[in-house]
Amino acid sequence: MTSKATALEEIATYTLPTWAICPIVNGDFDCTTEEEDQLIENFYTDLESDGWKNIAFEFPDTDADTYFSHGNDLQRNMGCDVVDVIVYGVKS
């Protein structure tokens, strides 16, 4: 039996709200609302429906990379502090 490793491909860079970092990295949804939980779930669903699996995120190393934006890739018209995140996956 042979094992074939599949390399992650860069999908895109997304602008995500800083409040989404903890749920995405740690799976900790204790400090998010049901609406925010749904936004994150929809984000994953959209990636999966585009044929991506094994989703991984590359976050900036410091808080200095956060900034205010009037919209982001989870909430189109909602201003908040955001961070640019590189998302990787395996195309199925």
Protein backbone atom coordinates (compact mmCIF):
# COMPACT_ATOMS: atom_id res chain seq x y z
CA MET A 1 0.00 0.00 0.00
CA THR A 2 1.43 3.37 -1.00
CA SER A 3 0.60 6.75 0.42
CA LYS A 4 0.36 9.73 -1.88
CA ALA A 5 0.89 13.07 -0.15
CA THR A 6 -1.06 15.91 -1.66
CA ALA A 7 0.41 19.37 -1.35
CA LEU A 8 -1.73 22.28 -0.28
CA GLU A 9 -2.36 24.88 -2.95
CA GLU A 10 -2.85 28.55 -2.24
CA ILE A 11 -6.51 29.32 -2.85
CA ALA A 12 -6.54 33.08 -2.29
CA THR A 13 -5.95 35.84 0.21
CA TYR A 14 -9.10 36.78 2.10
CA THR A 15 -9.81 39.74 4.33
CA LEU A 16 -11.34 38.33 7.51
CA PRO A 17 -12.57 40.04 10.68
CA THR A 18 -10.25 39.67 13.66
CA TRP A 19 -13.09 38.17 15.73
CA ALA A 20 -13.01 35.15 13.37
CA ILE A 21 -9.40 34.21 14.19
CA CYS A 22 -10.11 32.33 17.43
CA PRO A 23 -12.97 30.23 16.04
CA ILE A 24 -10.99 29.37 12.91
CA VAL A 25 -7.68 28.57 14.63
CA ASN A 26 -8.92 26.99 17.85
CA GLY A 27 -12.48 25.94 17.05
CA ASP A 28 -13.55 28.10 20.00
CA PHE A 29 -16.96 29.59 19.26
CA ASP A 30 -17.66 30.69 22.87
CA CYS A 31 -17.18 34.39 22.12
CA THR A 32 -19.06 34.55 18.83
CA THR A 33 -22.73 35.08 18.13
CA GLU A 34 -24.90 32.60 16.24
CA GLU A 35 -24.79 34.97 13.25
CA GLU A 36 -20.98 35.03 13.33
CA ASP A 37 -20.87 31.24 13.65
CA GLN A 38 -23.05 31.00 10.55
CA LEU A 39 -20.81 33.40 8.61
CA ILE A 40 -17.77 31.21 9.34
CA GLU A 41 -19.71 28.05 8.45
CA ASN A 42 -20.83 29.65 5.16
CA PHE A 43 -17.22 30.58 4.38
CA TYR A 44 -16.09 26.95 4.79
CA THR A 45 -19.12 25.71 2.83
CA ASP A 46 -18.32 28.04 -0.07
CA LEU A 47 -14.72 26.80 -0.19
CA GLU A 48 -15.86 23.17 -0.06
CA SER A 49 -18.51 23.71 -2.75
CA ASP A 50 -15.73 25.10 -4.97
CA GLY A 51 -13.99 21.72 -4.57
CA TRP A 52 -11.50 22.54 -1.80
CA LYS A 53 -10.79 20.26 1.17
CA ASN A 54 -8.19 20.15 3.96
CA ILE A 55 -8.50 23.92 4.36
CA ALA A 56 -5.58 25.64 6.15
CA PHE A 57 -5.03 29.27 7.05
CA GLU A 58 -1.89 31.40 7.27
CA PHE A 59 -2.42 34.33 9.61
CA PRO A 60 0.01 37.25 10.01
CA ASP A 61 2.45 36.99 12.89
CA THR A 62 1.61 40.25 14.64
CA ASP A 63 -1.27 42.50 15.56
CA ALA A 64 0.44 45.20 13.52
CA ASP A 65 -1.01 43.57 10.41
CA THR A 66 -4.60 44.29 11.46
CA TYR A 67 -6.43 47.32 10.15
CA PHE A 68 -9.92 48.77 9.95
CA SER A 69 -12.01 48.08 6.87
CA HIS A 70 -15.59 49.00 5.94
CA GLY A 71 -16.16 45.44 4.69
CA ASN A 72 -14.56 42.01 4.60
CA ASP A 73 -15.02 38.59 3.02
CA LEU A 74 -17.41 37.40 5.74
CA GLN A 75 -19.44 40.58 6.22
CA ARG A 76 -19.55 42.60 3.01
CA ASN A 77 -20.85 45.87 4.47
CA MET A 78 -19.84 45.63 8.12
CA GLY A 79 -16.89 47.72 9.27
CA CYS A 80 -14.49 46.17 11.77
CA ASP A 81 -10.84 45.38 12.40
CA VAL A 82 -9.62 42.85 9.84
CA VAL A 83 -6.57 40.85 8.83
CA ASP A 84 -5.48 39.51 5.44
CA VAL A 85 -5.27 35.72 5.58
CA ILE A 86 -3.85 33.32 3.00
CA VAL A 87 -6.06 30.25 2.62
CA TYR A 88 -4.73 26.91 1.34
CA GLY A 89 -6.45 23.69 0.40
CA VAL A 90 -6.40 20.54 -1.66
CA LYS A 91 -8.53 20.57 -4.81
CA SER A 92 -10.76 17.51 -4.90
